[in-house]
Amino acid sequence: MKKATDEMKAELVKIATAGEPSAADFKKILTDLEQAASTLAAAGGDSKVAAALKPFGAEAAKAAAAADPATAADNPVFLKAGQDITALCKAAGVSVTL
């Protein structure tokens, strides 16, 4: 998950330095994040982190499909899902911030 979040942050910085991010830019980032979360959830078996990645990936997919992905991603359910993963990863000794 750390690799996926690092890649997402690097992509956001790249887009932001190129000008105003478009809906397509946010859609790509959220789609990539959903794919990473889904892949990791499938590989994680019955772990708590794998279970937490499923709703996070679902929220990322839902936001990516919206007309305004950036606004759609700014919601309490998505934010809580990210906080849950961050806390679980921290407990496992992995530093991730979603």
Protein backbone atom coordinates (compact mmCIF):
# COMPACT_ATOMS: atom_id res chain seq x y z
CA MET A 1 0.00 0.00 0.00
CA LYS A 2 2.88 2.33 0.74
CA LYS A 3 4.12 2.02 -2.84
CA ALA A 4 0.65 2.82 -4.19
CA THR A 5 0.24 5.90 -1.99
CA ASP A 6 3.74 7.12 -2.84
CA GLU A 7 2.96 6.74 -6.55
CA MET A 8 -0.36 8.58 -6.10
CA LYS A 9 1.35 11.45 -4.28
CA ALA A 10 4.05 11.69 -6.98
CA GLU A 11 1.35 11.78 -9.68
CA LEU A 12 -0.54 14.51 -7.80
CA VAL A 13 2.62 16.61 -7.51
CA LYS A 14 3.37 16.12 -11.22
CA ILE A 15 -0.16 17.14 -12.19
CA ALA A 16 -0.26 20.10 -9.80
CA THR A 17 3.03 21.51 -11.08
CA ALA A 18 1.76 21.27 -14.68
CA GLY A 19 -1.26 23.45 -13.94
CA GLU A 20 -4.81 22.99 -12.72
CA PRO A 21 -5.66 19.27 -12.45
CA SER A 22 -8.57 18.16 -14.60
CA ALA A 23 -11.37 15.73 -13.80
CA ALA A 24 -9.59 13.23 -16.06
CA ASP A 25 -6.41 13.61 -13.99
CA PHE A 26 -8.27 12.86 -10.76
CA LYS A 27 -10.14 10.00 -12.43
CA LYS A 28 -6.83 8.38 -13.45
CA ILE A 29 -5.34 8.76 -9.97
CA LEU A 30 -8.42 7.38 -8.24
CA THR A 31 -8.72 4.52 -10.73
CA ASP A 32 -5.07 3.59 -10.17
CA LEU A 33 -5.59 3.78 -6.41
CA GLU A 34 -8.68 1.55 -6.61
CA GLN A 35 -6.77 -1.01 -8.67
CA ALA A 36 -3.88 -1.04 -6.20
CA ALA A 37 -6.24 -1.36 -3.22
CA SER A 38 -8.16 -4.19 -4.89
CA THR A 39 -4.98 -6.07 -5.80
CA LEU A 40 -3.59 -5.71 -2.29
CA ALA A 41 -6.91 -6.70 -0.70
CA ALA A 42 -7.02 -9.87 -2.80
CA ALA A 43 -3.44 -10.74 -1.84
CA GLY A 44 -3.99 -9.97 1.84
CA GLY A 45 -6.24 -12.91 2.59
CA ASP A 46 -8.23 -12.52 5.79
CA SER A 47 -6.08 -9.78 7.33
CA LYS A 48 -7.59 -6.66 8.86
CA VAL A 49 -5.71 -4.51 6.34
CA ALA A 50 -7.13 -6.53 3.43
CA ALA A 51 -10.62 -6.13 4.86
CA ALA A 52 -10.10 -2.35 5.20
CA LEU A 53 -8.79 -2.05 1.64
CA LYS A 54 -12.05 -3.30 0.14
CA PRO A 55 -14.25 -0.34 1.18
CA PHE A 56 -11.38 2.04 0.42
CA GLY A 57 -11.10 0.65 -3.12
CA ALA A 58 -14.87 0.81 -3.56
CA GLU A 59 -14.93 4.47 -2.53
CA ALA A 60 -12.02 5.26 -4.87
CA ALA A 61 -13.89 3.59 -7.75
CA LYS A 62 -17.08 5.46 -6.91
CA ALA A 63 -15.24 8.79 -6.86
CA ALA A 64 -13.40 7.99 -10.11
CA ALA A 65 -16.75 7.35 -11.83
CA ALA A 66 -18.24 10.69 -10.73
CA ALA A 67 -18.46 13.70 -13.03
CA ASP A 68 -16.24 15.59 -10.56
CA PRO A 69 -13.91 12.96 -9.07
CA ALA A 70 -12.03 15.38 -6.78
CA THR A 71 -15.24 16.56 -5.11
CA ALA A 72 -16.62 13.03 -4.93
CA ALA A 73 -13.45 11.80 -3.19
CA ASP A 74 -13.81 14.49 -0.54
CA ASN A 75 -16.38 12.65 1.55
CA PRO A 76 -16.41 11.32 5.11
CA VAL A 77 -16.74 7.65 4.13
CA PHE A 78 -13.67 7.76 1.89
CA LEU A 79 -11.70 9.76 4.44
CA LYS A 80 -12.58 7.30 7.23
CA ALA A 81 -11.62 4.33 5.05
CA GLY A 82 -8.21 5.94 4.47
CA GLN A 83 -7.79 6.66 8.18
CA ASP A 84 -8.64 3.05 9.03
CA ILE A 85 -5.97 1.74 6.66
CA THR A 86 -3.43 4.25 7.95
CA ALA A 87 -4.06 3.14 11.55
CA LEU A 88 -3.87 -0.58 10.69
CA CYS A 89 -0.65 -0.13 8.72
CA LYS A 90 0.87 1.93 11.54
CA ALA A 91 -0.02 -0.84 14.00
CA ALA A 92 1.78 -3.28 11.71
CA GLY A 93 4.87 -1.04 11.57
CA VAL A 94 4.30 0.39 8.09
CA SER A 95 4.11 4.14 7.63
CA VAL A 96 1.28 5.00 5.22
CA THR A 97 -0.92 8.08 5.11
CA LEU A 98 -4.14 8.00 3.08
